[in-house]
């Protein structure tokens, strides 16, 4: 399961107190111990039993203007403060199976039954209600390429619940969980850590039954833009795409560009031939799979 953090015993603090603390703490979110050290501060905010209701009331009075303007999440999330480039503070709502919101929106709207990891670390504390359930797993991200269908090496480590006051650290690209509805409506508070490399780190959905990677959940605006540029046959788009396909540091971007060149480029077979010999096993495997679909009898695939 995710790492359990000692919540400490400090008195309750306000949201502004936590924001001020985060602004002054020189914490590197990539350092597990440093990031874990923020857990007791989150627990102290969790002991403040009025701040979240007051914030919700203030948002309602202004017709949720603060959430409309700055909240990139769905209705499950109340953004506590806008992202500051290092941290995101939010509250998550977890309806129970019998709650009207869940019956109306379905389990998928609240990310229940979705086996996934995270490409960022985050701390969470049970704030209200009994807490959501999780089936917990771990895996070794260094042992995989990230290809769809690849064995994931998931290890089941138990079932847990985010009890009131309990603080957990979900480790980046390490902890995997399948969240399940709580026994009654619940709320959790989060500190999400942000690193500049995060958009280029893959987040995965897993197939638990097959113990494999089912989907790459991460996507960046740049991936959509380069696909659009190649498809629209814009000047210089092909040169840029071919440069990205061979030299971009992110395998996911290179695969995105390769797919765009196959769909819209002048010589799809040449692009696939080059990629099939790429040092990256993920890129080479993707290219060979596409080549096999185009011509199953190609001798290079035998």
C-alpha atoms as a PDB file:
ATOM      1  CA  UNK A   1       0.000   0.000   0.000  1.00  0.00           C
ATOM      2  CA  UNK A   2       0.977   3.649  -0.074  1.00  0.00           C
ATOM      3  CA  UNK A   3       3.409   4.708   2.618  1.00  0.00           C
ATOM      4  CA  UNK A   4       1.744   5.511   5.954  1.00  0.00           C
ATOM      5  CA  UNK A   5       3.018   8.806   7.409  1.00  0.00           C
ATOM      6  CA  UNK A   6       2.976   9.644  11.113  1.00  0.00           C
ATOM      7  CA  UNK A   7       0.457  12.507  11.369  1.00  0.00           C
ATOM      8  CA  UNK A   8       2.056  13.973  14.489  1.00  0.00           C
ATOM      9  CA  UNK A   9       0.070  15.695  17.198  1.00  0.00           C
ATOM     10  CA  UNK A  10       0.155  19.412  16.388  1.00  0.00           C
ATOM     11  CA  UNK A  11      -2.874  21.652  16.760  1.00  0.00           C
ATOM     12  CA  UNK A  12      -5.159  22.453  13.854  1.00  0.00           C
ATOM     13  CA  UNK A  13      -3.988  25.104  11.392  1.00  0.00           C
ATOM     14  CA  UNK A  14      -5.744  27.139   8.712  1.00  0.00           C
ATOM     15  CA  UNK A  15      -5.377  26.854   4.967  1.00  0.00           C
ATOM     16  CA  UNK A  16      -3.354  30.076   4.822  1.00  0.00           C
ATOM     17  CA  UNK A  17      -0.950  28.620   7.389  1.00  0.00           C
ATOM     18  CA  UNK A  18      -0.326  25.582   5.208  1.00  0.00           C
ATOM     19  CA  UNK A  19       0.108  27.741   2.101  1.00  0.00           C
ATOM     20  CA  UNK A  20       2.661  29.912   3.913  1.00  0.00           C
ATOM     21  CA  UNK A  21       4.540  26.842   5.136  1.00  0.00           C
ATOM     22  CA  UNK A  22       4.746  25.366   1.639  1.00  0.00           C
ATOM     23  CA  UNK A  23       5.952  28.679   0.239  1.00  0.00           C
ATOM     24  CA  UNK A  24       8.896  28.752   2.631  1.00  0.00           C
ATOM     25  CA  UNK A  25       9.830  25.052   2.766  1.00  0.00           C
ATOM     26  CA  UNK A  26      12.733  24.216   0.387  1.00  0.00           C
ATOM     27  CA  UNK A  27      11.286  20.784  -0.384  1.00  0.00           C
ATOM     28  CA  UNK A  28      12.321  18.914  -3.517  1.00  0.00           C
ATOM     29  CA  UNK A  29       9.229  16.894  -4.434  1.00  0.00           C
ATOM     30  CA  UNK A  30      11.480  14.252  -6.033  1.00  0.00           C
ATOM     31  CA  UNK A  31      13.005  13.554  -2.610  1.00  0.00           C
ATOM     32  CA  UNK A  32      10.668  11.069  -0.943  1.00  0.00           C
ATOM     33  CA  UNK A  33      11.761  11.823   2.614  1.00  0.00           C
ATOM     34  CA  UNK A  34      11.590  15.579   2.108  1.00  0.00           C
ATOM     35  CA  UNK A  35       8.122  15.401   0.593  1.00  0.00           C
ATOM     36  CA  UNK A  36       6.954  12.987   3.318  1.00  0.00           C
ATOM     37  CA  UNK A  37       8.000  15.558   5.922  1.00  0.00           C
ATOM     38  CA  UNK A  38       5.007  17.690   4.851  1.00  0.00           C
ATOM     39  CA  UNK A  39       2.574  15.003   6.014  1.00  0.00           C
ATOM     40  CA  UNK A  40       2.151  16.284   9.586  1.00  0.00           C
ATOM     41  CA  UNK A  41       1.314  19.776   8.281  1.00  0.00           C
ATOM     42  CA  UNK A  42      -1.414  18.317   6.068  1.00  0.00           C
ATOM     43  CA  UNK A  43      -2.697  16.372   9.075  1.00  0.00           C
ATOM     44  CA  UNK A  44      -2.920  19.606  11.056  1.00  0.00           C
ATOM     45  CA  UNK A  45      -5.045  21.168   8.322  1.00  0.00           C
ATOM     46  CA  UNK A  46      -7.167  18.022   8.466  1.00  0.00           C
ATOM     47  CA  UNK A  47      -7.868  18.765  12.148  1.00  0.00           C
ATOM     48  CA  UNK A  48      -9.446  22.067  11.160  1.00  0.00           C
ATOM     49  CA  UNK A  49     -13.078  21.022  11.002  1.00  0.00           C
ATOM     50  CA  UNK A  50     -14.488  24.270   9.599  1.00  0.00           C
ATOM     51  CA  UNK A  51     -12.178  25.582   6.879  1.00  0.00           C
ATOM     52  CA  UNK A  52     -13.488  23.398   4.045  1.00  0.00           C
ATOM     53  CA  UNK A  53     -17.134  24.201   4.719  1.00  0.00           C
ATOM     54  CA  UNK A  54     -16.287  27.898   4.868  1.00  0.00           C
ATOM     55  CA  UNK A  55     -14.438  27.673   1.557  1.00  0.00           C
ATOM     56  CA  UNK A  56     -17.319  25.800  -0.060  1.00  0.00           C
ATOM     57  CA  UNK A  57     -19.789  28.419   1.187  1.00  0.00           C
ATOM     58  CA  UNK A  58     -17.608  31.248  -0.142  1.00  0.00           C
ATOM     59  CA  UNK A  59     -17.464  29.576  -3.553  1.00  0.00           C
ATOM     60  CA  UNK A  60     -21.236  29.140  -3.632  1.00  0.00           C
ATOM     61  CA  UNK A  61     -21.747  32.827  -2.817  1.00  0.00           C
ATOM     62  CA  UNK A  62     -19.695  33.773  -5.890  1.00  0.00           C
ATOM     63  CA  UNK A  63     -21.266  31.061  -8.048  1.00  0.00           C
ATOM     64  CA  UNK A  64     -18.088  28.937  -7.857  1.00  0.00           C
ATOM     65  CA  UNK A  65     -16.137  31.588  -9.750  1.00  0.00           C
ATOM     66  CA  UNK A  66     -12.851  30.547  -8.152  1.00  0.00           C
ATOM     67  CA  UNK A  67     -13.334  26.969  -9.290  1.00  0.00           C
ATOM     68  CA  UNK A  68     -14.526  27.886 -12.776  1.00  0.00           C
ATOM     69  CA  UNK A  69     -11.512  30.126 -13.373  1.00  0.00           C
ATOM     70  CA  UNK A  70      -8.747  27.944 -11.955  1.00  0.00           C
ATOM     71  CA  UNK A  71      -9.901  24.362 -11.460  1.00  0.00           C
ATOM     72  CA  UNK A  72      -8.768  22.037 -14.249  1.00  0.00           C
ATOM     73  CA  UNK A  73     -10.281  19.044 -12.465  1.00  0.00           C
ATOM     74  CA  UNK A  74     -13.861  17.824 -12.527  1.00  0.00           C
ATOM     75  CA  UNK A  75     -16.670  18.205 -10.030  1.00  0.00           C
ATOM     76  CA  UNK A  76     -15.036  15.667  -7.712  1.00  0.00           C
ATOM     77  CA  UNK A  77     -12.319  18.186  -6.798  1.00  0.00           C
ATOM     78  CA  UNK A  78     -12.472  21.443  -4.876  1.00  0.00           C
ATOM     79  CA  UNK A  79      -9.264  23.336  -5.571  1.00  0.00           C
ATOM     80  CA  UNK A  80      -8.069  24.834  -2.296  1.00  0.00           C
ATOM     81  CA  UNK A  81      -5.467  27.116  -3.881  1.00  0.00           C
ATOM     82  CA  UNK A  82      -4.370  27.638  -7.489  1.00  0.00           C
ATOM     83  CA  UNK A  83      -1.203  25.699  -8.422  1.00  0.00           C
ATOM     84  CA  UNK A  84       1.972  27.610  -7.602  1.00  0.00           C
ATOM     85  CA  UNK A  85       4.395  25.647  -9.789  1.00  0.00           C
ATOM     86  CA  UNK A  86       5.472  23.384  -6.910  1.00  0.00           C
ATOM     87  CA  UNK A  87       2.320  22.195  -5.163  1.00  0.00           C
ATOM     88  CA  UNK A  88      -1.389  21.756  -5.750  1.00  0.00           C
ATOM     89  CA  UNK A  89      -3.789  21.770  -2.792  1.00  0.00           C
ATOM     90  CA  UNK A  90      -7.174  20.157  -3.286  1.00  0.00           C
ATOM     91  CA  UNK A  91     -10.062  18.377  -1.609  1.00  0.00           C
ATOM     92  CA  UNK A  92     -11.505  15.240  -3.226  1.00  0.00           C
ATOM     93  CA  UNK A  93     -15.079  14.071  -2.746  1.00  0.00           C
ATOM     94  CA  UNK A  94     -15.816  10.341  -2.630  1.00  0.00           C
ATOM     95  CA  UNK A  95     -19.499   9.399  -2.873  1.00  0.00           C
ATOM     96  CA  UNK A  96     -20.639   6.050  -1.535  1.00  0.00           C
ATOM     97  CA  UNK A  97     -22.284   3.421  -3.748  1.00  0.00           C
ATOM     98  CA  UNK A  98     -25.726   4.388  -2.487  1.00  0.00           C
ATOM     99  CA  UNK A  99     -25.249   8.147  -2.947  1.00  0.00           C
ATOM    100  CA  UNK A 100     -27.253   9.904  -5.620  1.00  0.00           C
ATOM    101  CA  UNK A 101     -24.176  11.520  -7.203  1.00  0.00           C
ATOM    102  CA  UNK A 102     -22.614   8.137  -7.860  1.00  0.00           C
ATOM    103  CA  UNK A 103     -25.825   6.611  -9.160  1.00  0.00           C
ATOM    104  CA  UNK A 104     -26.281   9.557 -11.533  1.00  0.00           C
ATOM    105  CA  UNK A 105     -22.712   9.931 -12.763  1.00  0.00           C
ATOM    106  CA  UNK A 106     -21.523   6.339 -12.601  1.00  0.00           C
ATOM    107  CA  UNK A 107     -18.449   4.920 -10.948  1.00  0.00           C
ATOM    108  CA  UNK A 108     -16.143   6.052 -13.752  1.00  0.00           C
ATOM    109  CA  UNK A 109     -16.895   9.707 -13.051  1.00  0.00           C
ATOM    110  CA  UNK A 110     -15.136   9.310  -9.692  1.00  0.00           C
ATOM    111  CA  UNK A 111     -12.287   7.129 -10.994  1.00  0.00           C
ATOM    112  CA  UNK A 112     -13.467   4.085  -9.118  1.00  0.00           C
ATOM    113  CA  UNK A 113     -12.333   0.667 -10.420  1.00  0.00           C
ATOM    114  CA  UNK A 114      -9.470   2.288 -12.391  1.00  0.00           C
ATOM    115  CA  UNK A 115      -6.092   0.621 -11.724  1.00  0.00           C
ATOM    116  CA  UNK A 116      -3.522   3.403 -12.060  1.00  0.00           C
ATOM    117  CA  UNK A 117      -0.288   4.869 -10.808  1.00  0.00           C
ATOM    118  CA  UNK A 118       0.686   8.547 -10.668  1.00  0.00           C
ATOM    119  CA  UNK A 119       3.440  10.496 -12.406  1.00  0.00           C
ATOM    120  CA  UNK A 120       3.698  12.781  -9.369  1.00  0.00           C
ATOM    121  CA  UNK A 121       3.904  12.175  -5.617  1.00  0.00           C
ATOM    122  CA  UNK A 122       1.050  13.218  -3.386  1.00  0.00           C
ATOM    123  CA  UNK A 123       0.104  13.237   0.261  1.00  0.00           C
ATOM    124  CA  UNK A 124      -3.463  12.617   1.343  1.00  0.00           C
ATOM    125  CA  UNK A 125      -5.340  12.687   4.640  1.00  0.00           C
ATOM    126  CA  UNK A 126      -8.803  11.387   5.469  1.00  0.00           C
ATOM    127  CA  UNK A 127     -10.830  14.496   6.339  1.00  0.00           C
ATOM    128  CA  UNK A 128     -14.497  13.515   6.458  1.00  0.00           C
ATOM    129  CA  UNK A 129     -16.357  10.214   6.510  1.00  0.00           C
ATOM    130  CA  UNK A 130     -14.941   6.703   6.817  1.00  0.00           C
ATOM    131  CA  UNK A 131     -12.674   7.037   3.766  1.00  0.00           C
ATOM    132  CA  UNK A 132     -12.481   5.333   0.369  1.00  0.00           C
ATOM    133  CA  UNK A 133     -11.177   1.795  -0.024  1.00  0.00           C
ATOM    134  CA  UNK A 134      -8.239   0.802  -2.229  1.00  0.00           C
ATOM    135  CA  UNK A 135      -6.839  -2.411  -3.583  1.00  0.00           C
ATOM    136  CA  UNK A 136      -3.118  -1.657  -3.413  1.00  0.00           C
ATOM    137  CA  UNK A 137      -0.240  -2.754  -5.625  1.00  0.00           C
ATOM    138  CA  UNK A 138       3.363  -1.816  -6.289  1.00  0.00           C
ATOM    139  CA  UNK A 139       5.570  -2.209  -9.338  1.00  0.00           C
ATOM    140  CA  UNK A 140       9.100  -1.430 -10.543  1.00  0.00           C
ATOM    141  CA  UNK A 141       8.920   1.227 -13.234  1.00  0.00           C
ATOM    142  CA  UNK A 142      12.586   0.684 -14.160  1.00  0.00           C
ATOM    143  CA  UNK A 143      11.787  -2.890 -15.232  1.00  0.00           C
ATOM    144  CA  UNK A 144       9.292  -1.884 -17.963  1.00  0.00           C
ATOM    145  CA  UNK A 145       9.456  -0.072 -21.291  1.00  0.00           C
ATOM    146  CA  UNK A 146       5.934   1.338 -21.088  1.00  0.00           C
ATOM    147  CA  UNK A 147       4.490  -0.500 -24.084  1.00  0.00           C
ATOM    148  CA  UNK A 148       0.778  -1.313 -24.180  1.00  0.00           C
ATOM    149  CA  UNK A 149       0.257  -4.964 -23.283  1.00  0.00           C
ATOM    150  CA  UNK A 150       3.670  -5.275 -21.640  1.00  0.00           C
ATOM    151  CA  UNK A 151       3.831  -7.304 -18.390  1.00  0.00           C
ATOM    152  CA  UNK A 152       3.687  -4.807 -15.521  1.00  0.00           C
ATOM    153  CA  UNK A 153       5.020  -6.907 -12.646  1.00  0.00           C
ATOM    154  CA  UNK A 154       2.296  -5.715 -10.259  1.00  0.00           C
ATOM    155  CA  UNK A 155       2.539  -7.054  -6.705  1.00  0.00           C
ATOM    156  CA  UNK A 156      -0.668  -7.011  -4.669  1.00  0.00           C
ATOM    157  CA  UNK A 157       0.073  -5.652  -1.193  1.00  0.00           C
ATOM    158  CA  UNK A 158      -3.419  -5.631   0.313  1.00  0.00           C
ATOM    159  CA  UNK A 159      -6.604  -3.618   0.708  1.00  0.00           C
ATOM    160  CA  UNK A 160      -6.662  -0.403   2.716  1.00  0.00           C
ATOM    161  CA  UNK A 161      -8.973   2.432   3.711  1.00  0.00           C
ATOM    162  CA  UNK A 162      -8.171   6.119   4.094  1.00  0.00           C
ATOM    163  CA  UNK A 163      -9.444   6.378   7.670  1.00  0.00           C
ATOM    164  CA  UNK A 164     -10.135   9.794   9.240  1.00  0.00           C
ATOM    165  CA  UNK A 165      -6.838  11.466  10.148  1.00  0.00           C
ATOM    166  CA  UNK A 166      -4.762   8.822   8.347  1.00  0.00           C
ATOM    167  CA  UNK A 167      -1.952  10.274   6.198  1.00  0.00           C
ATOM    168  CA  UNK A 168      -0.622   8.406   3.166  1.00  0.00           C
ATOM    169  CA  UNK A 169       2.156   9.180   0.712  1.00  0.00           C
ATOM    170  CA  UNK A 170       1.523   7.846  -2.779  1.00  0.00           C
ATOM    171  CA  UNK A 171       4.954   7.433  -4.310  1.00  0.00           C
ATOM    172  CA  UNK A 172       5.457   8.589  -7.876  1.00  0.00           C
ATOM    173  CA  UNK A 173       5.430   5.722 -10.411  1.00  0.00           C
ATOM    174  CA  UNK A 174       5.589   3.149  -7.626  1.00  0.00           C
ATOM    175  CA  UNK A 175       2.252   2.799  -5.839  1.00  0.00           C
ATOM    176  CA  UNK A 176      -0.717   1.556  -7.867  1.00  0.00           C
ATOM    177  CA  UNK A 177      -4.253   1.477  -6.567  1.00  0.00           C
ATOM    178  CA  UNK A 178      -7.806   0.633  -7.535  1.00  0.00           C
ATOM    179  CA  UNK A 179     -10.061   2.991  -5.601  1.00  0.00           C
ATOM    180  CA  UNK A 180     -13.443   1.751  -4.409  1.00  0.00           C
ATOM    181  CA  UNK A 181     -16.409   3.666  -2.958  1.00  0.00           C
ATOM    182  CA  UNK A 182     -16.380   4.374   0.787  1.00  0.00           C
ATOM    183  CA  UNK A 183     -19.073   3.023   3.078  1.00  0.00           C
ATOM    184  CA  UNK A 184     -20.413   6.584   3.381  1.00  0.00           C
ATOM    185  CA  UNK A 185     -19.666   9.899   1.670  1.00  0.00           C
ATOM    186  CA  UNK A 186     -16.053  10.896   2.376  1.00  0.00           C
ATOM    187  CA  UNK A 187     -13.608  13.717   1.705  1.00  0.00           C
ATOM    188  CA  UNK A 188      -9.813  13.645   1.451  1.00  0.00           C
ATOM    189  CA  UNK A 189      -7.301  16.505   1.375  1.00  0.00           C
ATOM    190  CA  UNK A 190      -4.246  16.380  -0.891  1.00  0.00           C
ATOM    191  CA  UNK A 191      -0.876  18.012  -1.394  1.00  0.00           C
ATOM    192  CA  UNK A 192       0.291  17.180  -4.912  1.00  0.00           C
ATOM    193  CA  UNK A 193       3.939  17.664  -5.747  1.00  0.00           C
ATOM    194  CA  UNK A 194       4.829  19.076  -9.159  1.00  0.00           C
ATOM    195  CA  UNK A 195       8.118  18.587 -11.009  1.00  0.00           C
ATOM    196  CA  UNK A 196       9.004  20.234 -14.326  1.00  0.00           C
ATOM    197  CA  UNK A 197       9.591  16.806 -15.907  1.00  0.00           C
ATOM    198  CA  UNK A 198       6.153  15.543 -14.866  1.00  0.00           C
ATOM    199  CA  UNK A 199       4.331  16.059 -18.202  1.00  0.00           C
ATOM    200  CA  UNK A 200       6.877  13.787 -19.900  1.00  0.00           C
ATOM    201  CA  UNK A 201       6.653  11.000 -17.324  1.00  0.00           C
ATOM    202  CA  UNK A 202       4.089   8.389 -18.260  1.00  0.00           C
ATOM    203  CA  UNK A 203       1.127   7.576 -16.051  1.00  0.00           C
ATOM    204  CA  UNK A 204      -0.396   4.165 -16.657  1.00  0.00           C
ATOM    205  CA  UNK A 205      -3.700   2.384 -16.462  1.00  0.00           C
ATOM    206  CA  UNK A 206      -3.177  -1.297 -15.732  1.00  0.00           C
ATOM    207  CA  UNK A 207      -4.991  -4.505 -16.562  1.00  0.00           C
ATOM    208  CA  UNK A 208      -5.081  -6.235 -13.194  1.00  0.00           C
ATOM    209  CA  UNK A 209      -6.304  -9.568 -14.530  1.00  0.00           C
ATOM    210  CA  UNK A 210      -3.550  -9.695 -17.158  1.00  0.00           C
ATOM    211  CA  UNK A 211      -0.961  -7.920 -14.951  1.00  0.00           C
ATOM    212  CA  UNK A 212      -0.049  -5.676 -17.858  1.00  0.00           C
ATOM    213  CA  UNK A 213      -0.032  -2.055 -19.038  1.00  0.00           C
ATOM    214  CA  UNK A 214      -3.433  -1.260 -20.543  1.00  0.00           C
ATOM    215  CA  UNK A 215      -3.069   2.435 -21.437  1.00  0.00           C
ATOM    216  CA  UNK A 216      -0.787   5.449 -21.170  1.00  0.00           C
ATOM    217  CA  UNK A 217      -2.920   8.119 -19.506  1.00  0.00           C
ATOM    218  CA  UNK A 218      -0.506  11.039 -19.953  1.00  0.00           C
ATOM    219  CA  UNK A 219      -0.773  13.483 -22.831  1.00  0.00           C
ATOM    220  CA  UNK A 220       0.615  16.956 -23.425  1.00  0.00           C
ATOM    221  CA  UNK A 221      -0.604  19.832 -25.629  1.00  0.00           C
ATOM    222  CA  UNK A 222       2.593  19.505 -27.673  1.00  0.00           C
ATOM    223  CA  UNK A 223       1.596  15.996 -28.750  1.00  0.00           C
ATOM    224  CA  UNK A 224      -1.741  17.187 -30.073  1.00  0.00           C
ATOM    225  CA  UNK A 225      -0.156  20.188 -31.804  1.00  0.00           C
ATOM    226  CA  UNK A 226       2.503  18.219 -33.664  1.00  0.00           C
ATOM    227  CA  UNK A 227      -0.139  15.737 -34.820  1.00  0.00           C
ATOM    228  CA  UNK A 228      -2.273  18.624 -36.074  1.00  0.00           C
ATOM    229  CA  UNK A 229       0.689  20.296 -37.806  1.00  0.00           C
ATOM    230  CA  UNK A 230       1.659  17.137 -39.711  1.00  0.00           C
ATOM    231  CA  UNK A 231      -1.940  16.378 -40.643  1.00  0.00           C
ATOM    232  CA  UNK A 232      -2.496  19.915 -41.898  1.00  0.00           C
ATOM    233  CA  UNK A 233       0.653  19.746 -44.074  1.00  0.00           C
ATOM    234  CA  UNK A 234       1.939  23.021 -42.641  1.00  0.00           C
ATOM    235  CA  UNK A 235       5.250  24.480 -43.842  1.00  0.00           C
ATOM    236  CA  UNK A 236       8.204  23.067 -41.897  1.00  0.00           C
ATOM    237  CA  UNK A 237       5.905  20.667 -40.018  1.00  0.00           C
ATOM    238  CA  UNK A 238       7.461  17.606 -41.641  1.00  0.00           C
ATOM    239  CA  UNK A 239      11.021  18.678 -40.792  1.00  0.00           C
ATOM    240  CA  UNK A 240      10.029  19.371 -37.194  1.00  0.00           C
ATOM    241  CA  UNK A 241       8.177  16.060 -36.924  1.00  0.00           C
ATOM    242  CA  UNK A 242      11.077  14.055 -38.314  1.00  0.00           C
ATOM    243  CA  UNK A 243      13.403  15.815 -35.886  1.00  0.00           C
ATOM    244  CA  UNK A 244      11.112  14.957 -32.979  1.00  0.00           C
ATOM    245  CA  UNK A 245      10.764  11.372 -34.219  1.00  0.00           C
ATOM    246  CA  UNK A 246      14.503  10.771 -34.009  1.00  0.00           C
ATOM    247  CA  UNK A 247      15.761  13.084 -31.275  1.00  0.00           C
ATOM    248  CA  UNK A 248      13.011  14.024 -28.812  1.00  0.00           C
ATOM    249  CA  UNK A 249      13.963  12.844 -25.284  1.00  0.00           C
ATOM    250  CA  UNK A 250      10.460  11.484 -24.532  1.00  0.00           C
ATOM    251  CA  UNK A 251       9.562   8.118 -26.069  1.00  0.00           C
ATOM    252  CA  UNK A 252       5.869   8.941 -25.860  1.00  0.00           C
ATOM    253  CA  UNK A 253       6.317  12.054 -28.003  1.00  0.00           C
ATOM    254  CA  UNK A 254       8.395  10.120 -30.532  1.00  0.00           C
ATOM    255  CA  UNK A 255       5.679   7.471 -30.839  1.00  0.00           C
ATOM    256  CA  UNK A 256       3.031  10.187 -31.237  1.00  0.00           C
ATOM    257  CA  UNK A 257       5.047  11.765 -34.054  1.00  0.00           C
ATOM    258  CA  UNK A 258       5.685   8.386 -35.674  1.00  0.00           C
ATOM    259  CA  UNK A 259       1.935   7.707 -35.720  1.00  0.00           C
ATOM    260  CA  UNK A 260       1.351  11.136 -37.299  1.00  0.00           C
ATOM    261  CA  UNK A 261       3.948  10.444 -39.994  1.00  0.00           C
ATOM    262  CA  UNK A 262       2.371   7.072 -40.730  1.00  0.00           C
ATOM    263  CA  UNK A 263      -1.055   8.686 -41.136  1.00  0.00           C
ATOM    264  CA  UNK A 264      -0.051  11.857 -42.974  1.00  0.00           C
ATOM    265  CA  UNK A 265       3.642  11.765 -43.906  1.00  0.00           C
ATOM    266  CA  UNK A 266       4.996  11.309 -47.456  1.00  0.00           C
ATOM    267  CA  UNK A 267       6.694   7.955 -46.792  1.00  0.00           C
ATOM    268  CA  UNK A 268       5.164   6.001 -43.888  1.00  0.00           C
ATOM    269  CA  UNK A 269       7.180   2.850 -44.603  1.00  0.00           C
ATOM    270  CA  UNK A 270      10.484   4.709 -44.472  1.00  0.00           C
ATOM    271  CA  UNK A 271       9.548   6.263 -41.130  1.00  0.00           C
ATOM    272  CA  UNK A 272       8.606   2.858 -39.738  1.00  0.00           C
ATOM    273  CA  UNK A 273      11.756   1.217 -41.081  1.00  0.00           C
ATOM    274  CA  UNK A 274      13.912   3.785 -39.313  1.00  0.00           C
ATOM    275  CA  UNK A 275      11.972   3.484 -36.070  1.00  0.00           C
ATOM    276  CA  UNK A 276      12.061  -0.320 -36.147  1.00  0.00           C
ATOM    277  CA  UNK A 277      15.822  -0.160 -35.538  1.00  0.00           C
ATOM    278  CA  UNK A 278      15.587   2.443 -32.773  1.00  0.00           C
ATOM    279  CA  UNK A 279      17.631   1.755 -29.598  1.00  0.00           C
ATOM    280  CA  UNK A 280      14.450   2.261 -27.560  1.00  0.00           C
ATOM    281  CA  UNK A 281      12.689  -1.089 -27.284  1.00  0.00           C
ATOM    282  CA  UNK A 282       9.368   0.680 -26.825  1.00  0.00           C
ATOM    283  CA  UNK A 283       9.700   2.683 -30.045  1.00  0.00           C
ATOM    284  CA  UNK A 284      11.147  -0.216 -32.040  1.00  0.00           C
ATOM    285  CA  UNK A 285       8.404  -2.540 -30.844  1.00  0.00           C
ATOM    286  CA  UNK A 286       5.694  -0.037 -31.764  1.00  0.00           C
ATOM    287  CA  UNK A 287       7.165   0.448 -35.241  1.00  0.00           C
ATOM    288  CA  UNK A 288       7.483  -3.283 -35.860  1.00  0.00           C
ATOM    289  CA  UNK A 289       3.906  -3.815 -34.778  1.00  0.00           C
ATOM    290  CA  UNK A 290       2.712  -1.211 -37.292  1.00  0.00           C
ATOM    291  CA  UNK A 291       4.905  -2.709 -40.007  1.00  0.00           C
ATOM    292  CA  UNK A 292       3.428  -6.126 -39.351  1.00  0.00           C
ATOM    293  CA  UNK A 293      -0.068  -4.679 -39.742  1.00  0.00           C
ATOM    294  CA  UNK A 294       0.878  -3.140 -43.083  1.00  0.00           C
ATOM    295  CA  UNK A 295       2.710  -6.222 -44.374  1.00  0.00           C
ATOM    296  CA  UNK A 296       2.610  -9.347 -42.149  1.00  0.00           C
ATOM    297  CA  UNK A 297       5.099 -11.134 -44.424  1.00  0.00           C
ATOM    298  CA  UNK A 298       7.952  -8.659 -44.051  1.00  0.00           C
ATOM    299  CA  UNK A 299      11.102 -10.695 -43.561  1.00  0.00           C
ATOM    300  CA  UNK A 300      12.549  -8.228 -41.084  1.00  0.00           C
ATOM    301  CA  UNK A 301       9.814  -9.235 -38.624  1.00  0.00           C
ATOM    302  CA  UNK A 302      10.484 -12.946 -38.839  1.00  0.00           C
END
